[in-house]
PDB file of all heavy atoms in Angstrom:
ATOM      1  N   ALA A   1     -59.387  60.611 -39.269  1.00  0.00           N
ATOM      2  CA  ALA A   1     -59.272  60.465 -37.805  1.00  0.00           C
ATOM      3  C   ALA A   1     -58.524  61.613 -37.162  1.00  0.00           C
ATOM      4  O   ALA A   1     -58.825  62.015 -36.040  1.00  0.00           O
ATOM      5  CB  ALA A   1     -58.603  59.151 -37.449  1.00  0.00           C
ATOM      6  N   ALA A   2     -57.549  62.145 -37.840  1.00  0.00           N
ATOM      7  CA  ALA A   2     -56.734  63.250 -37.299  1.00  0.00           C
ATOM      8  C   ALA A   2     -55.945  63.870 -38.448  1.00  0.00           C
ATOM      9  O   ALA A   2     -55.710  63.233 -39.462  1.00  0.00           O
ATOM     10  CB  ALA A   2     -55.776  62.717 -36.238  1.00  0.00           C
ATOM     11  N   THR A   3     -55.553  65.101 -38.256  1.00  0.00           N
ATOM     12  CA  THR A   3     -54.732  65.787 -39.244  1.00  0.00           C
ATOM     13  C   THR A   3     -53.360  65.136 -39.318  1.00  0.00           C
ATOM     14  O   THR A   3     -52.755  64.876 -38.278  1.00  0.00           O
ATOM     15  CB  THR A   3     -54.576  67.273 -38.876  1.00  0.00           C
ATOM     16  OG1 THR A   3     -55.884  67.862 -38.763  1.00  0.00           O
ATOM     17  CG2 THR A   3     -53.782  68.036 -39.921  1.00  0.00           C
ATOM     18  N   GLY A   4     -52.905  64.832 -40.527  1.00  0.00           N
ATOM     19  CA  GLY A   4     -51.561  64.294 -40.683  1.00  0.00           C
ATOM     20  C   GLY A   4     -51.462  62.794 -40.666  1.00  0.00           C
ATOM     21  O   GLY A   4     -50.356  62.237 -40.678  1.00  0.00           O
ATOM     22  N   VAL A   5     -52.569  62.063 -40.682  1.00  0.00           N
ATOM     23  CA  VAL A   5     -52.526  60.607 -40.703  1.00  0.00           C
ATOM     24  C   VAL A   5     -51.972  60.132 -42.055  1.00  0.00           C
ATOM     25  O   VAL A   5     -52.414  60.550 -43.092  1.00  0.00           O
ATOM     26  CB  VAL A   5     -53.921  59.962 -40.463  1.00  0.00           C
ATOM     27  CG1 VAL A   5     -53.873  58.471 -40.694  1.00  0.00           C
ATOM     28  CG2 VAL A   5     -54.428  60.276 -39.081  1.00  0.00           C
ATOM     29  N   VAL A   6     -50.984  59.248 -41.963  1.00  0.00           N
ATOM     30  CA  VAL A   6     -50.398  58.635 -43.168  1.00  0.00           C
ATOM     31  C   VAL A   6     -50.619  57.130 -43.059  1.00  0.00           C
ATOM     32  O   VAL A   6     -50.178  56.500 -42.092  1.00  0.00           O
ATOM     33  CB  VAL A   6     -48.891  58.939 -43.308  1.00  0.00           C
ATOM     34  CG1 VAL A   6     -48.298  58.207 -44.467  1.00  0.00           C
ATOM     35  CG2 VAL A   6     -48.663  60.450 -43.405  1.00  0.00           C
ATOM     36  N   VAL A   7     -51.351  56.573 -44.033  1.00  0.00           N
ATOM     37  CA  VAL A   7     -51.531  55.121 -44.089  1.00  0.00           C
ATOM     38  C   VAL A   7     -50.301  54.564 -44.793  1.00  0.00           C
ATOM     39  O   VAL A   7     -50.097  54.784 -45.982  1.00  0.00           O
ATOM     40  CB  VAL A   7     -52.825  54.759 -44.844  1.00  0.00           C
ATOM     41  CG1 VAL A   7     -52.949  53.239 -44.939  1.00  0.00           C
ATOM     42  CG2 VAL A   7     -54.059  55.357 -44.155  1.00  0.00           C
ATOM     43  N   GLU A   8     -49.461  53.871 -44.011  1.00  0.00           N
ATOM     44  CA  GLU A   8     -48.204  53.352 -44.576  1.00  0.00           C
ATOM     45  C   GLU A   8     -48.441  52.063 -45.333  1.00  0.00           C
ATOM     46  O   GLU A   8     -47.865  51.837 -46.398  1.00  0.00           O
ATOM     47  CB  GLU A   8     -47.183  53.183 -43.462  1.00  0.00           C
ATOM     48  CG  GLU A   8     -46.817  54.529 -42.823  1.00  0.00           C
ATOM     49  CD  GLU A   8     -46.051  54.396 -41.519  1.00  0.00           C
ATOM     50  OE1 GLU A   8     -45.938  53.296 -40.982  1.00  0.00           O
ATOM     51  OE2 GLU A   8     -45.558  55.435 -41.047  1.00  0.00           O
ATOM     52  N   ARG A   9     -49.253  51.142 -44.752  1.00  0.00           N
ATOM     53  CA  ARG A   9     -49.592  49.872 -45.379  1.00  0.00           C
ATOM     54  C   ARG A   9     -50.937  49.441 -44.863  1.00  0.00           C
ATOM     55  O   ARG A   9     -51.263  49.695 -43.720  1.00  0.00           O
ATOM     56  CB  ARG A   9     -48.581  48.784 -45.004  1.00  0.00           C
ATOM     57  CG  ARG A   9     -47.245  48.890 -45.641  1.00  0.00           C
ATOM     58  CD  ARG A   9     -46.372  47.749 -45.152  1.00  0.00           C
ATOM     59  NE  ARG A   9     -46.062  47.960 -43.746  1.00  0.00           N
ATOM     60  CZ  ARG A   9     -44.863  48.028 -43.240  1.00  0.00           C
ATOM     61  NH1 ARG A   9     -43.831  47.875 -44.005  1.00  0.00           N
ATOM     62  NH2 ARG A   9     -44.674  48.210 -41.960  1.00  0.00           N
ATOM     63  N   VAL A  10     -51.681  48.747 -45.733  1.00  0.00           N
ATOM     64  CA  VAL A  10     -52.952  48.175 -45.301  1.00  0.00           C
ATOM     65  C   VAL A  10     -53.279  46.993 -46.196  1.00  0.00           C
ATOM     66  O   VAL A  10     -53.014  47.008 -47.404  1.00  0.00           O
ATOM     67  CB  VAL A  10     -54.091  49.229 -45.318  1.00  0.00           C
ATOM     68  CG1 VAL A  10     -54.320  49.791 -46.698  1.00  0.00           C
ATOM     69  CG2 VAL A  10     -55.364  48.651 -44.734  1.00  0.00           C
ATOM     70  N   VAL A  11     -53.805  45.929 -45.586  1.00  0.00           N
ATOM     71  CA  VAL A  11     -54.196  44.749 -46.345  1.00  0.00           C
ATOM     72  C   VAL A  11     -55.534  44.236 -45.773  1.00  0.00           C
ATOM     73  O   VAL A  11     -55.748  44.291 -44.560  1.00  0.00           O
ATOM     74  CB  VAL A  11     -53.110  43.637 -46.284  1.00  0.00           C
ATOM     75  CG1 VAL A  11     -52.877  43.173 -44.884  1.00  0.00           C
ATOM     76  CG2 VAL A  11     -53.475  42.472 -47.182  1.00  0.00           C
ATOM     77  N   ALA A  12     -56.412  43.804 -46.647  1.00  0.00           N
ATOM     78  CA  ALA A  12     -57.679  43.229 -46.237  1.00  0.00           C
ATOM     79  C   ALA A  12     -57.767  41.810 -46.780  1.00  0.00           C
ATOM     80  O   ALA A  12     -57.547  41.568 -47.953  1.00  0.00           O
ATOM     81  CB  ALA A  12     -58.849  44.046 -46.768  1.00  0.00           C
ATOM     82  N   VAL A  13     -58.073  40.861 -45.882  1.00  0.00           N
ATOM     83  CA  VAL A  13     -58.144  39.464 -46.235  1.00  0.00           C
ATOM     84  C   VAL A  13     -59.469  38.894 -45.757  1.00  0.00           C
ATOM     85  O   VAL A  13     -59.872  39.124 -44.627  1.00  0.00           O
ATOM     86  CB  VAL A  13     -56.990  38.669 -45.562  1.00  0.00           C
ATOM     87  CG1 VAL A  13     -57.057  37.205 -45.918  1.00  0.00           C
ATOM     88  CG2 VAL A  13     -55.653  39.271 -45.968  1.00  0.00           C
ATOM     89  N   GLU A  14     -60.152  38.136 -46.605  1.00  0.00           N
ATOM     90  CA  GLU A  14     -61.412  37.510 -46.235  1.00  0.00           C
ATOM     91  C   GLU A  14     -61.193  36.516 -45.107  1.00  0.00           C
ATOM     92  O   GLU A  14     -60.283  35.682 -45.147  1.00  0.00           O
ATOM     93  CB  GLU A  14     -62.030  36.828 -47.434  1.00  0.00           C
ATOM     94  CG  GLU A  14     -63.403  36.293 -47.169  1.00  0.00           C
ATOM     95  CD  GLU A  14     -64.080  35.688 -48.381  1.00  0.00           C
ATOM     96  OE1 GLU A  14     -63.589  35.872 -49.499  1.00  0.00           O
ATOM     97  OE2 GLU A  14     -65.099  35.035 -48.187  1.00  0.00           O
ATOM     98  N   ALA A  15     -62.012  36.619 -44.076  1.00  0.00           N
ATOM     99  CA  ALA A  15     -61.861  35.753 -42.902  1.00  0.00           C
ATOM    100  C   ALA A  15     -62.791  34.558 -43.025  1.00  0.00           C
ATOM    101  O   ALA A  15     -63.776  34.426 -42.324  1.00  0.00           O
ATOM    102  CB  ALA A  15     -62.185  36.551 -41.621  1.00  0.00           C
ATOM    103  N   THR A  16     -62.444  33.642 -43.918  1.00  0.00           N
ATOM    104  CA  THR A  16     -63.273  32.448 -44.094  1.00  0.00           C
ATOM    105  C   THR A  16     -62.828  31.327 -43.184  1.00  0.00           C
ATOM    106  O   THR A  16     -63.653  30.669 -42.578  1.00  0.00           O
ATOM    107  CB  THR A  16     -63.224  31.966 -45.562  1.00  0.00           C
ATOM    108  OG1 THR A  16     -61.859  31.782 -45.952  1.00  0.00           O
ATOM    109  CG2 THR A  16     -63.894  32.965 -46.481  1.00  0.00           C
ATOM    110  N   GLN A  17     -61.540  31.094 -43.109  1.00  0.00           N
ATOM    111  CA  GLN A  17     -60.991  30.094 -42.203  1.00  0.00           C
ATOM    112  C   GLN A  17     -59.777  30.740 -41.543  1.00  0.00           C
ATOM    113  O   GLN A  17     -58.920  31.276 -42.229  1.00  0.00           O
ATOM    114  CB  GLN A  17     -60.552  28.847 -42.960  1.00  0.00           C
ATOM    115  CG  GLN A  17     -61.703  28.129 -43.604  1.00  0.00           C
ATOM    116  CD  GLN A  17     -61.204  26.842 -44.304  1.00  0.00           C
ATOM    117  OE1 GLN A  17     -60.148  26.322 -44.006  1.00  0.00           O
ATOM    118  NE2 GLN A  17     -61.998  26.353 -45.225  1.00  0.00           N
ATOM    119  N   TYR A  18     -59.718  30.656 -40.259  1.00  0.00           N
ATOM    120  CA  TYR A  18     -58.585  31.262 -39.555  1.00  0.00           C
ATOM    121  C   TYR A  18     -58.345  30.511 -38.238  1.00  0.00           C
ATOM    122  O   TYR A  18     -59.200  29.836 -37.741  1.00  0.00           O
ATOM    123  CB  TYR A  18     -58.811  32.754 -39.274  1.00  0.00           C
ATOM    124  CG  TYR A  18     -60.107  33.063 -38.604  1.00  0.00           C
ATOM    125  CD1 TYR A  18     -60.235  33.035 -37.230  1.00  0.00           C
ATOM    126  CD2 TYR A  18     -61.244  33.398 -39.350  1.00  0.00           C
ATOM    127  CE1 TYR A  18     -61.437  33.331 -36.599  1.00  0.00           C
ATOM    128  CE2 TYR A  18     -62.428  33.677 -38.740  1.00  0.00           C
ATOM    129  CZ  TYR A  18     -62.541  33.646 -37.374  1.00  0.00           C
ATOM    130  OH  TYR A  18     -63.727  33.918 -36.758  1.00  0.00           O
ATOM    131  N   SER A  19     -57.130  30.669 -37.788  1.00  0.00           N
ATOM    132  CA  SER A  19     -56.750  30.121 -36.491  1.00  0.00           C
ATOM    133  C   SER A  19     -56.097  31.243 -35.736  1.00  0.00           C
ATOM    134  O   SER A  19     -55.326  32.025 -36.286  1.00  0.00           O
ATOM    135  CB  SER A  19     -55.770  28.980 -36.699  1.00  0.00           C
ATOM    136  OG  SER A  19     -55.331  28.459 -35.486  1.00  0.00           O
ATOM    137  N   ILE A  20     -56.404  31.345 -34.474  1.00  0.00           N
ATOM    138  CA  ILE A  20     -55.861  32.422 -33.664  1.00  0.00           C
ATOM    139  C   ILE A  20     -55.494  31.885 -32.295  1.00  0.00           C
ATOM    140  O   ILE A  20     -56.181  31.024 -31.772  1.00  0.00           O
ATOM    141  CB  ILE A  20     -56.868  33.619 -33.560  1.00  0.00           C
ATOM    142  CG1 ILE A  20     -56.213  34.820 -32.890  1.00  0.00           C
ATOM    143  CG2 ILE A  20     -58.155  33.204 -32.876  1.00  0.00           C
ATOM    144  CD1 ILE A  20     -56.993  36.099 -33.021  1.00  0.00           C
ATOM    145  N   ASP A  21     -54.412  32.354 -31.770  1.00  0.00           N
ATOM    146  CA  ASP A  21     -53.949  31.901 -30.478  1.00  0.00           C
ATOM    147  C   ASP A  21     -53.823  33.122 -29.573  1.00  0.00           C
ATOM    148  O   ASP A  21     -53.358  34.168 -29.996  1.00  0.00           O
ATOM    149  CB  ASP A  21     -52.591  31.236 -30.604  1.00  0.00           C
ATOM    150  CG  ASP A  21     -52.156  30.578 -29.312  1.00  0.00           C
ATOM    151  OD1 ASP A  21     -53.019  30.294 -28.457  1.00  0.00           O
ATOM    152  OD2 ASP A  21     -50.941  30.332 -29.142  1.00  0.00           O
ATOM    153  N   GLY A  22     -54.297  33.006 -28.384  1.00  0.00           N
ATOM    154  CA  GLY A  22     -54.207  34.119 -27.435  1.00  0.00           C
ATOM    155  C   GLY A  22     -55.355  34.045 -26.459  1.00  0.00           C
ATOM    156  O   GLY A  22     -56.115  33.058 -26.433  1.00  0.00           O
ATOM    157  N   GLU A  23     -55.504  35.068 -25.693  1.00  0.00           N
ATOM    158  CA  GLU A  23     -56.529  35.082 -24.654  1.00  0.00           C
ATOM    159  C   GLU A  23     -57.931  35.067 -25.223  1.00  0.00           C
ATOM    160  O   GLU A  23     -58.253  35.763 -26.163  1.00  0.00           O
ATOM    161  CB  GLU A  23     -56.355  36.371 -23.822  1.00  0.00           C
ATOM    162  CG  GLU A  23     -57.211  36.395 -22.586  1.00  0.00           C
ATOM    163  CD  GLU A  23     -56.896  37.577 -21.698  1.00  0.00           C
ATOM    164  OE1 GLU A  23     -55.831  38.183 -21.856  1.00  0.00           O
ATOM    165  OE2 GLU A  23     -57.757  37.925 -20.883  1.00  0.00           O
ATOM    166  N   ALA A  24     -58.790  34.219 -24.672  1.00  0.00           N
ATOM    167  CA  ALA A  24     -60.177  34.094 -25.122  1.00  0.00           C
ATOM    168  C   ALA A  24     -61.093  35.058 -24.356  1.00  0.00           C
ATOM    169  O   ALA A  24     -60.853  35.341 -23.170  1.00  0.00           O
ATOM    170  CB  ALA A  24     -60.672  32.662 -24.926  1.00  0.00           C
ATOM    171  N   TYR A  25     -62.107  35.551 -25.041  1.00  0.00           N
ATOM    172  CA  TYR A  25     -63.128  36.377 -24.427  1.00  0.00           C
ATOM    173  C   TYR A  25     -64.469  35.696 -24.627  1.00  0.00           C
ATOM    174  O   TYR A  25     -64.899  35.524 -25.757  1.00  0.00           O
ATOM    175  CB  TYR A  25     -63.154  37.781 -25.098  1.00  0.00           C
ATOM    176  CG  TYR A  25     -61.918  38.581 -24.833  1.00  0.00           C
ATOM    177  CD1 TYR A  25     -60.795  38.441 -25.628  1.00  0.00           C
ATOM    178  CD2 TYR A  25     -61.861  39.460 -23.752  1.00  0.00           C
ATOM    179  CE1 TYR A  25     -59.626  39.154 -25.371  1.00  0.00           C
ATOM    180  CE2 TYR A  25     -60.703  40.180 -23.516  1.00  0.00           C
ATOM    181  CZ  TYR A  25     -59.609  40.040 -24.306  1.00  0.00           C
ATOM    182  OH  TYR A  25     -58.483  40.748 -24.055  1.00  0.00           O
TER     183      TYR A  25
END
């Protein structure tokens, strides 16, 4: 994406069941 990008942490989780709170679209 750009020169000097450092990925400090990353996690991927399967989205099978989830709950989310916040503004709806």
